[in-house]
Amino acid sequence: MNIKSLRIPILVWILLMIATISSVSISDGNTTTSSHIGLLFIIFITFFKTRLVLQYFMEVKGAPIQLKLLADGWILANTVSLSYFFVVA
C-alpha cells in the first residue's frame, strides 16, 4: 500500500472525528427545549457518519447500484423514522 491509496480513508476518518466532536459539543448536557433541535442535528450527523462508514469502510461505494440504493434507503428510512418518533414523543 502506498500513501496515495490511504489518502481518502484518512480524510474520511478525520471527517468522522470532526462529526463526532460536533455531536459531543452539541449534546453538551443541555436540557432546554433548544436541545431538541440539537438532538435532531445529532441524528442527522449520525446519518452522515453512517453513510460515510458504509461507503468507504464497508466498500459499498464500489458495489452495484442496487446495493448502494438499498443502503442509502435503509439509512434514510432509519433517520426519518427516528426523527419522527423523537419529534412526536
Protein backbone atom coordinates (compact mmCIF):
# COMPACT_ATOMS: atom_id res chain seq x y z
CA MET A 1 0.00 0.00 0.00
CA ASN A 2 1.29 3.37 -0.89
CA ILE A 3 0.43 6.68 0.75
CA LYS A 4 -1.89 7.75 -2.10
CA SER A 5 -4.16 4.75 -1.52
CA LEU A 6 -4.52 5.75 2.14
CA ARG A 7 -5.35 9.40 1.47
CA ILE A 8 -9.13 9.02 1.07
CA PRO A 9 -9.66 6.71 4.08
CA ILE A 10 -7.60 9.02 6.28
CA LEU A 11 -9.60 12.07 5.12
CA VAL A 12 -12.87 10.21 5.74
CA TRP A 13 -11.63 9.19 9.20
CA ILE A 14 -10.75 12.83 10.00
CA LEU A 15 -14.21 13.89 8.80
CA LEU A 16 -15.78 11.24 11.05
CA MET A 17 -13.80 12.54 14.02
CA ILE A 18 -14.90 16.12 13.31
CA ALA A 19 -18.52 14.95 13.10
CA THR A 20 -18.15 13.08 16.40
CA ILE A 21 -16.67 16.12 18.12
CA SER A 22 -19.51 18.22 16.71
CA SER A 23 -22.08 15.77 18.09
CA VAL A 24 -20.47 15.84 21.51
CA SER A 25 -20.31 19.63 21.56
CA ILE A 26 -23.98 19.92 20.52
CA SER A 27 -25.09 17.48 23.23
CA ASP A 28 -23.12 19.28 25.92
CA GLY A 29 -25.65 18.35 28.61
CA ASN A 30 -28.28 20.94 27.69
CA THR A 31 -31.81 20.09 28.80
CA THR A 32 -33.70 23.10 27.45
CA THR A 33 -36.14 23.00 24.56
CA SER A 34 -33.40 24.18 22.23
CA SER A 35 -31.65 20.90 22.98
CA HIS A 36 -34.41 19.12 21.00
CA ILE A 37 -33.19 20.90 17.88
CA GLY A 38 -29.65 19.96 18.84
CA LEU A 39 -30.64 16.32 19.17
CA LEU A 40 -32.19 16.42 15.70
CA PHE A 41 -28.89 17.77 14.39
CA ILE A 42 -27.12 14.89 16.12
CA ILE A 43 -29.47 12.43 14.39
CA PHE A 44 -28.61 13.94 11.01
CA ILE A 45 -24.88 13.95 11.81
CA THR A 46 -25.27 10.26 12.64
CA PHE A 47 -26.96 9.75 9.24
CA PHE A 48 -23.96 11.40 7.58
CA LYS A 49 -21.46 9.34 9.59
CA THR A 50 -23.26 6.07 8.87
CA ARG A 51 -23.27 6.81 5.17
CA LEU A 52 -19.54 7.56 5.19
CA VAL A 53 -18.76 4.32 7.02
CA LEU A 54 -20.89 2.27 4.64
CA GLN A 55 -19.49 3.93 1.53
CA TYR A 56 -15.80 3.97 2.37
CA PHE A 57 -15.07 1.35 5.03
CA MET A 58 -17.63 -1.30 4.11
CA GLU A 59 -16.91 -0.80 0.41
CA VAL A 60 -20.48 -0.11 -0.68
CA LYS A 61 -19.11 2.69 -2.86
CA GLY A 62 -17.84 0.18 -5.43
CA ALA A 63 -20.88 -2.09 -5.20
CA PRO A 64 -23.68 -2.40 -7.76
CA ILE A 65 -26.21 0.43 -7.85
CA GLN A 66 -28.92 -1.75 -6.27
CA LEU A 67 -26.86 -2.23 -3.11
CA LYS A 68 -26.00 1.48 -2.99
CA LEU A 69 -29.66 2.42 -3.25
CA LEU A 70 -30.65 -0.21 -0.68
CA ALA A 71 -28.01 1.02 1.79
CA ASP A 72 -28.95 4.68 1.30
CA GLY A 73 -32.65 3.85 1.58
CA TRP A 74 -32.05 1.92 4.81
CA ILE A 75 -30.09 4.81 6.32
CA LEU A 76 -32.68 7.36 5.19
CA ALA A 77 -35.62 5.28 6.48
CA ASN A 78 -33.99 4.87 9.87
CA THR A 79 -33.10 8.55 10.09
CA VAL A 80 -36.59 9.71 9.14
CA SER A 81 -38.33 7.26 11.47
CA LEU A 82 -36.03 8.07 14.38
CA SER A 83 -36.53 11.81 13.81
CA TYR A 84 -40.29 11.36 13.53
CA PHE A 85 -40.55 9.37 16.76
CA PHE A 86 -38.31 11.86 18.53
CA VAL A 87 -40.47 14.82 17.47
CA VAL A 88 -43.77 13.05 18.23
CA ALA A 89 -42.66 11.79 21.66
